[in-house]
Amino acid sequence: TDNPQLNYAMPVTPIETAFLGAAVERLRVLFAS
């Protein structure tokens, strides 16, 4: 299913705000795949 509630990400380690944009872009690529 593509139900968003069953396809999601959760943070597991702290990440600096300056690097969050790049982290979200990696998530976008992964979810798009």
All heavy atoms as atom14 arrays in JSON, in Angstrom:
{
  "sequence": "TDNPQLNYAMPVTPIETAFLGAAVERLRVLFAS",
  "atom14_mask": [
    [1, 1, 1, 1, 1, 1, 1, 0, 0, 0, 0, 0, 0, 0],
    [1, 1, 1, 1, 1, 1, 1, 1, 0, 0, 0, 0, 0, 0],
    [1, 1, 1, 1, 1, 1, 1, 1, 0, 0, 0, 0, 0, 0],
    [1, 1, 1, 1, 1, 1, 1, 0, 0, 0, 0, 0, 0, 0],
    [1, 1, 1, 1, 1, 1, 1, 1, 1, 0, 0, 0, 0, 0],
    [1, 1, 1, 1, 1, 1, 1, 1, 0, 0, 0, 0, 0, 0],
    [1, 1, 1, 1, 1, 1, 1, 1, 0, 0, 0, 0, 0, 0],
    [1, 1, 1, 1, 1, 1, 1, 1, 1, 1, 1, 1, 0, 0],
    [1, 1, 1, 1, 1, 0, 0, 0, 0, 0, 0, 0, 0, 0],
    [1, 1, 1, 1, 1, 1, 1, 1, 0, 0, 0, 0, 0, 0],
    [1, 1, 1, 1, 1, 1, 1, 0, 0, 0, 0, 0, 0, 0],
    [1, 1, 1, 1, 1, 1, 1, 0, 0, 0, 0, 0, 0, 0],
    [1, 1, 1, 1, 1, 1, 1, 0, 0, 0, 0, 0, 0, 0],
    [1, 1, 1, 1, 1, 1, 1, 0, 0, 0, 0, 0, 0, 0],
    [1, 1, 1, 1, 1, 1, 1, 1, 0, 0, 0, 0, 0, 0],
    [1, 1, 1, 1, 1, 1, 1, 1, 1, 0, 0, 0, 0, 0],
    [1, 1, 1, 1, 1, 1, 1, 0, 0, 0, 0, 0, 0, 0],
    [1, 1, 1, 1, 1, 0, 0, 0, 0, 0, 0, 0, 0, 0],
    [1, 1, 1, 1, 1, 1, 1, 1, 1, 1, 1, 0, 0, 0],
    [1, 1, 1, 1, 1, 1, 1, 1, 0, 0, 0, 0, 0, 0],
    [1, 1, 1, 1, 0, 0, 0, 0, 0, 0, 0, 0, 0, 0],
    [1, 1, 1, 1, 1, 0, 0, 0, 0, 0, 0, 0, 0, 0],
    [1, 1, 1, 1, 1, 0, 0, 0, 0, 0, 0, 0, 0, 0],
    [1, 1, 1, 1, 1, 1, 1, 0, 0, 0, 0, 0, 0, 0],
    [1, 1, 1, 1, 1, 1, 1, 1, 1, 0, 0, 0, 0, 0],
    [1, 1, 1, 1, 1, 1, 1, 1, 1, 1, 1, 0, 0, 0],
    [1, 1, 1, 1, 1, 1, 1, 1, 0, 0, 0, 0, 0, 0],
    [1, 1, 1, 1, 1, 1, 1, 1, 1, 1, 1, 0, 0, 0],
    [1, 1, 1, 1, 1, 1, 1, 0, 0, 0, 0, 0, 0, 0],
    [1, 1, 1, 1, 1, 1, 1, 1, 0, 0, 0, 0, 0, 0],
    [1, 1, 1, 1, 1, 1, 1, 1, 1, 1, 1, 0, 0, 0],
    [1, 1, 1, 1, 1, 0, 0, 0, 0, 0, 0, 0, 0, 0],
    [1, 1, 1, 1, 1, 1, 0, 0, 0, 0, 0, 0, 0, 0]
  ],
  "atom14_positions": [
    [[0.82, -1.19, 0.0], [0.0, 0.0, 0.0], [0.86, 1.25, 0.0], [1.98, 1.24, 0.55], [-0.93, 0.03, 1.23], [-1.67, 1.25, 1.24], [-0.14, -0.07, 2.52], [0.0, 0.0, 0.0], [0.0, 0.0, 0.0], [0.0, 0.0, 0.0], [0.0, 0.0, 0.0], [0.0, 0.0, 0.0], [0.0, 0.0, 0.0], [0.0, 0.0, 0.0]],
    [[0.35, 2.32, -0.61], [1.05, 3.6, -0.57], [0.49, 4.51, 0.52], [0.78, 5.71, 0.54], [1.0, 4.29, -1.93], [-0.43, 4.58, -2.39], [-1.38, 4.28, -1.65], [-0.59, 5.11, -3.51], [0.0, 0.0, 0.0], [0.0, 0.0, 0.0], [0.0, 0.0, 0.0], [0.0, 0.0, 0.0], [0.0, 0.0, 0.0], [0.0, 0.0, 0.0]],
    [[-0.31, 3.95, 1.43], [-0.85, 4.71, 2.55], [0.3, 5.37, 3.31], [1.19, 4.68, 3.81], [-1.62, 3.76, 3.48], [-2.29, 4.49, 4.64], [-1.89, 5.58, 5.03], [-3.3, 3.87, 5.21], [0.0, 0.0, 0.0], [0.0, 0.0, 0.0], [0.0, 0.0, 0.0], [0.0, 0.0, 0.0], [0.0, 0.0, 0.0], [0.0, 0.0, 0.0]],
    [[0.32, 6.71, 3.4], [1.44, 7.4, 4.07], [1.67, 6.94, 5.5], [2.81, 6.97, 5.99], [1.03, 8.87, 4.01], [0.09, 8.97, 2.86], [-0.66, 7.67, 2.86], [0.0, 0.0, 0.0], [0.0, 0.0, 0.0], [0.0, 0.0, 0.0], [0.0, 0.0, 0.0], [0.0, 0.0, 0.0], [0.0, 0.0, 0.0], [0.0, 0.0, 0.0]],
    [[0.61, 6.51, 6.19], [0.77, 6.07, 7.57], [1.57, 4.78, 7.69], [2.04, 4.43, 8.77], [-0.6, 5.91, 8.23], [-1.34, 7.23, 8.38], [-2.64, 7.08, 9.13], [-3.03, 5.99, 9.53], [-3.33, 8.18, 9.33], [0.0, 0.0, 0.0], [0.0, 0.0, 0.0], [0.0, 0.0, 0.0], [0.0, 0.0, 0.0], [0.0, 0.0, 0.0]],
    [[1.72, 4.05, 6.58], [2.48, 2.81, 6.58], [3.78, 2.93, 5.79], [4.48, 1.94, 5.61], [1.61, 1.68, 6.0], [0.33, 1.37, 6.77], [-0.46, 0.28, 6.06], [0.63, 0.97, 8.21], [0.0, 0.0, 0.0], [0.0, 0.0, 0.0], [0.0, 0.0, 0.0], [0.0, 0.0, 0.0], [0.0, 0.0, 0.0], [0.0, 0.0, 0.0]],
    [[4.09, 4.13, 5.34], [5.34, 4.4, 4.62], [5.89, 5.72, 5.16], [5.44, 6.79, 4.76], [5.07, 4.51, 3.11], [4.55, 3.23, 2.51], [5.31, 2.37, 2.08], [3.22, 3.08, 2.45], [0.0, 0.0, 0.0], [0.0, 0.0, 0.0], [0.0, 0.0, 0.0], [0.0, 0.0, 0.0], [0.0, 0.0, 0.0], [0.0, 0.0, 0.0]],
    [[6.86, 5.63, 6.07], [7.28, 6.84, 6.76], [8.71, 6.7, 7.29], [9.28, 5.6, 7.33], [6.34, 7.13, 7.93], [6.31, 6.04, 8.98], [7.07, 6.14, 10.13], [5.5, 4.91, 8.82], [7.06, 5.14, 11.09], [5.47, 3.91, 9.78], [6.24, 4.03, 10.9], [6.23, 3.04, 11.85], [0.0, 0.0, 0.0], [0.0, 0.0, 0.0]],
    [[9.27, 7.85, 7.7], [10.61, 7.9, 8.28], [10.52, 8.43, 9.7], [9.62, 9.21, 10.03], [11.52, 8.8, 7.44], [0.0, 0.0, 0.0], [0.0, 0.0, 0.0], [0.0, 0.0, 0.0], [0.0, 0.0, 0.0], [0.0, 0.0, 0.0], [0.0, 0.0, 0.0], [0.0, 0.0, 0.0], [0.0, 0.0, 0.0], [0.0, 0.0, 0.0]],
    [[11.47, 8.0, 10.55], [11.6, 8.54, 11.9], [13.06, 8.85, 12.18], [13.95, 8.13, 11.73], [11.11, 7.52, 12.94], [9.62, 7.26, 12.93], [9.12, 6.15, 14.3], [9.31, 7.26, 15.71], [0.0, 0.0, 0.0], [0.0, 0.0, 0.0], [0.0, 0.0, 0.0], [0.0, 0.0, 0.0], [0.0, 0.0, 0.0], [0.0, 0.0, 0.0]],
    [[13.34, 9.94, 12.88], [14.74, 10.24, 13.24], [15.24, 9.25, 14.28], [14.51, 8.87, 15.2], [14.66, 11.66, 13.82], [13.26, 11.76, 14.35], [12.4, 10.94, 13.43], [0.0, 0.0, 0.0], [0.0, 0.0, 0.0], [0.0, 0.0, 0.0], [0.0, 0.0, 0.0], [0.0, 0.0, 0.0], [0.0, 0.0, 0.0], [0.0, 0.0, 0.0]],
    [[16.49, 8.84, 14.13], [17.08, 7.91, 15.1], [18.36, 8.46, 15.72], [18.79, 7.98, 16.76], [17.36, 6.53, 14.45], [16.05, 5.83, 14.11], [18.22, 6.66, 13.21], [0.0, 0.0, 0.0], [0.0, 0.0, 0.0], [0.0, 0.0, 0.0], [0.0, 0.0, 0.0], [0.0, 0.0, 0.0], [0.0, 0.0, 0.0], [0.0, 0.0, 0.0]],
    [[18.97, 9.45, 15.07], [20.14, 10.11, 15.63], [20.02, 11.61, 15.37], [19.41, 12.02, 14.37], [21.46, 9.6, 15.0], [21.42, 9.81, 13.58], [21.66, 8.12, 15.29], [0.0, 0.0, 0.0], [0.0, 0.0, 0.0], [0.0, 0.0, 0.0], [0.0, 0.0, 0.0], [0.0, 0.0, 0.0], [0.0, 0.0, 0.0], [0.0, 0.0, 0.0]],
    [[20.58, 12.43, 16.26], [20.5, 13.88, 16.06], [21.18, 14.3, 14.75], [22.13, 13.66, 14.29], [21.25, 14.44, 17.27], [21.22, 13.36, 18.29], [21.26, 12.08, 17.51], [0.0, 0.0, 0.0], [0.0, 0.0, 0.0], [0.0, 0.0, 0.0], [0.0, 0.0, 0.0], [0.0, 0.0, 0.0], [0.0, 0.0, 0.0], [0.0, 0.0, 0.0]],
    [[20.66, 15.36, 14.15], [21.24, 15.89, 12.92], [21.24, 17.41, 13.0], [20.26, 18.02, 13.43], [20.46, 15.41, 11.67], [21.11, 15.94, 10.4], [19.01, 15.79, 11.74], [20.53, 15.33, 9.13], [0.0, 0.0, 0.0], [0.0, 0.0, 0.0], [0.0, 0.0, 0.0], [0.0, 0.0, 0.0], [0.0, 0.0, 0.0], [0.0, 0.0, 0.0]],
    [[22.34, 18.03, 12.63], [22.44, 19.48, 12.69], [21.53, 20.1, 11.64], [21.38, 19.6, 10.53], [23.89, 19.92, 12.45], [24.86, 19.48, 13.55], [26.26, 20.01, 13.31], [26.39, 21.06, 12.64], [27.22, 19.37, 13.76], [0.0, 0.0, 0.0], [0.0, 0.0, 0.0], [0.0, 0.0, 0.0], [0.0, 0.0, 0.0], [0.0, 0.0, 0.0]],
    [[20.94, 21.24, 12.0], [20.01, 21.92, 11.11], [20.64, 22.22, 9.76], [19.98, 22.12, 8.71], [19.52, 23.23, 11.76], [18.89, 22.93, 13.01], [18.52, 23.94, 10.86], [0.0, 0.0, 0.0], [0.0, 0.0, 0.0], [0.0, 0.0, 0.0], [0.0, 0.0, 0.0], [0.0, 0.0, 0.0], [0.0, 0.0, 0.0], [0.0, 0.0, 0.0]],
    [[21.92, 22.54, 9.75], [22.6, 22.9, 8.5], [22.62, 21.75, 7.5], [22.71, 21.97, 6.29], [24.02, 23.36, 8.8], [0.0, 0.0, 0.0], [0.0, 0.0, 0.0], [0.0, 0.0, 0.0], [0.0, 0.0, 0.0], [0.0, 0.0, 0.0], [0.0, 0.0, 0.0], [0.0, 0.0, 0.0], [0.0, 0.0, 0.0], [0.0, 0.0, 0.0]],
    [[22.52, 20.52, 8.0], [22.58, 19.35, 7.11], [21.21, 18.73, 6.86], [21.11, 17.74, 6.14], [23.51, 18.3, 7.71], [24.92, 18.78, 7.92], [25.4, 19.05, 9.2], [25.76, 19.01, 6.83], [26.7, 19.5, 9.4], [27.06, 19.47, 7.02], [27.53, 19.72, 8.3], [0.0, 0.0, 0.0], [0.0, 0.0, 0.0], [0.0, 0.0, 0.0]],
    [[20.17, 19.3, 7.46], [18.86, 18.69, 7.35], [18.3, 18.76, 5.93], [17.66, 17.83, 5.45], [17.88, 19.33, 8.32], [16.51, 18.65, 8.4], [16.66, 17.22, 8.9], [15.57, 19.41, 9.31], [0.0, 0.0, 0.0], [0.0, 0.0, 0.0], [0.0, 0.0, 0.0], [0.0, 0.0, 0.0], [0.0, 0.0, 0.0], [0.0, 0.0, 0.0]],
    [[18.57, 19.87, 5.24], [18.09, 20.0, 3.86], [18.59, 18.87, 2.99], [17.82, 18.27, 2.23], [0.0, 0.0, 0.0], [0.0, 0.0, 0.0], [0.0, 0.0, 0.0], [0.0, 0.0, 0.0], [0.0, 0.0, 0.0], [0.0, 0.0, 0.0], [0.0, 0.0, 0.0], [0.0, 0.0, 0.0], [0.0, 0.0, 0.0], [0.0, 0.0, 0.0]],
    [[19.88, 18.55, 3.1], [20.45, 17.46, 2.31], [19.85, 16.12, 2.74], [19.61, 15.24, 1.9], [21.97, 17.43, 2.48], [0.0, 0.0, 0.0], [0.0, 0.0, 0.0], [0.0, 0.0, 0.0], [0.0, 0.0, 0.0], [0.0, 0.0, 0.0], [0.0, 0.0, 0.0], [0.0, 0.0, 0.0], [0.0, 0.0, 0.0], [0.0, 0.0, 0.0]],
    [[19.58, 15.97, 4.04], [18.99, 14.72, 4.53], [17.58, 14.52, 3.97], [17.2, 13.41, 3.6], [18.95, 14.73, 6.06], [0.0, 0.0, 0.0], [0.0, 0.0, 0.0], [0.0, 0.0, 0.0], [0.0, 0.0, 0.0], [0.0, 0.0, 0.0], [0.0, 0.0, 0.0], [0.0, 0.0, 0.0], [0.0, 0.0, 0.0], [0.0, 0.0, 0.0]],
    [[16.81, 15.61, 3.89], [15.46, 15.52, 3.33], [15.53, 15.19, 1.85], [14.71, 14.4, 1.34], [14.68, 16.83, 3.58], [13.36, 16.82, 2.81], [14.42, 17.02, 5.06], [0.0, 0.0, 0.0], [0.0, 0.0, 0.0], [0.0, 0.0, 0.0], [0.0, 0.0, 0.0], [0.0, 0.0, 0.0], [0.0, 0.0, 0.0], [0.0, 0.0, 0.0]],
    [[16.5, 15.75, 1.14], [16.63, 15.44, -0.28], [16.94, 13.96, -0.49], [16.42, 13.33, -1.41], [17.73, 16.3, -0.92], [17.34, 17.76, -1.09], [16.04, 17.91, -1.87], [15.86, 17.24, -2.91], [15.17, 18.69, -1.42], [0.0, 0.0, 0.0], [0.0, 0.0, 0.0], [0.0, 0.0, 0.0], [0.0, 0.0, 0.0], [0.0, 0.0, 0.0]],
    [[17.75, 13.39, 0.4], [18.03, 11.94, 0.3], [16.76, 11.14, 0.56], [16.52, 10.11, -0.09], [19.13, 11.55, 1.29], [20.54, 12.02, 0.87], [21.61, 11.34, 1.7], [21.57, 11.74, 3.08], [22.24, 12.79, 3.58], [22.97, 13.55, 2.78], [22.17, 13.09, 4.87], [0.0, 0.0, 0.0], [0.0, 0.0, 0.0], [0.0, 0.0, 0.0]],
    [[15.95, 11.62, 1.51], [14.68, 10.95, 1.76], [13.78, 11.03, 0.52], [13.11, 10.05, 0.17], [13.96, 11.57, 2.96], [14.5, 11.25, 4.35], [13.72, 12.0, 5.41], [14.46, 9.75, 4.63], [0.0, 0.0, 0.0], [0.0, 0.0, 0.0], [0.0, 0.0, 0.0], [0.0, 0.0, 0.0], [0.0, 0.0, 0.0], [0.0, 0.0, 0.0]],
    [[13.76, 12.18, -0.13], [12.93, 12.34, -1.33], [13.33, 11.34, -2.41], [12.48, 10.73, -3.05], [13.04, 13.77, -1.85], [12.29, 14.8, -1.02], [12.3, 16.17, -1.67], [11.37, 17.06, -1.02], [11.71, 18.18, -0.38], [12.98, 18.56, -0.32], [10.78, 18.94, 0.18], [0.0, 0.0, 0.0], [0.0, 0.0, 0.0], [0.0, 0.0, 0.0]],
    [[14.61, 11.18, -2.61], [15.1, 10.24, -3.61], [14.71, 8.81, -3.23], [14.25, 8.02, -4.06], [16.63, 10.35, -3.77], [17.17, 9.23, -4.66], [17.0, 11.71, -4.37], [0.0, 0.0, 0.0], [0.0, 0.0, 0.0], [0.0, 0.0, 0.0], [0.0, 0.0, 0.0], [0.0, 0.0, 0.0], [0.0, 0.0, 0.0], [0.0, 0.0, 0.0]],
    [[14.87, 8.49, -1.95], [14.55, 7.14, -1.48], [13.05, 6.85, -1.61], [12.65, 5.79, -2.11], [14.99, 6.98, -0.02], [14.74, 5.62, 0.64], [15.45, 4.51, -0.12], [15.2, 5.66, 2.1], [0.0, 0.0, 0.0], [0.0, 0.0, 0.0], [0.0, 0.0, 0.0], [0.0, 0.0, 0.0], [0.0, 0.0, 0.0], [0.0, 0.0, 0.0]],
    [[12.21, 7.77, -1.16], [10.76, 7.57, -1.26], [10.33, 7.51, -2.72], [9.45, 6.7, -3.08], [10.02, 8.69, -0.53], [9.83, 8.43, 0.94], [10.9, 8.58, 1.83], [8.6, 8.06, 1.45], [10.73, 8.35, 3.19], [8.42, 7.83, 2.81], [9.49, 7.97, 3.68], [0.0, 0.0, 0.0], [0.0, 0.0, 0.0], [0.0, 0.0, 0.0]],
    [[10.91, 8.33, -3.58], [10.56, 8.31, -5.0], [10.91, 6.97, -5.63], [10.19, 6.48, -6.52], [11.26, 9.44, -5.74], [0.0, 0.0, 0.0], [0.0, 0.0, 0.0], [0.0, 0.0, 0.0], [0.0, 0.0, 0.0], [0.0, 0.0, 0.0], [0.0, 0.0, 0.0], [0.0, 0.0, 0.0], [0.0, 0.0, 0.0], [0.0, 0.0, 0.0]],
    [[11.99, 6.34, -5.16], [12.39, 5.04, -5.71], [11.37, 3.96, -5.38], [11.33, 2.92, -6.04], [13.76, 4.64, -5.18], [13.71, 4.27, -3.8], [0.0, 0.0, 0.0], [0.0, 0.0, 0.0], [0.0, 0.0, 0.0], [0.0, 0.0, 0.0], [0.0, 0.0, 0.0], [0.0, 0.0, 0.0], [0.0, 0.0, 0.0], [0.0, 0.0, 0.0]]
  ]
}
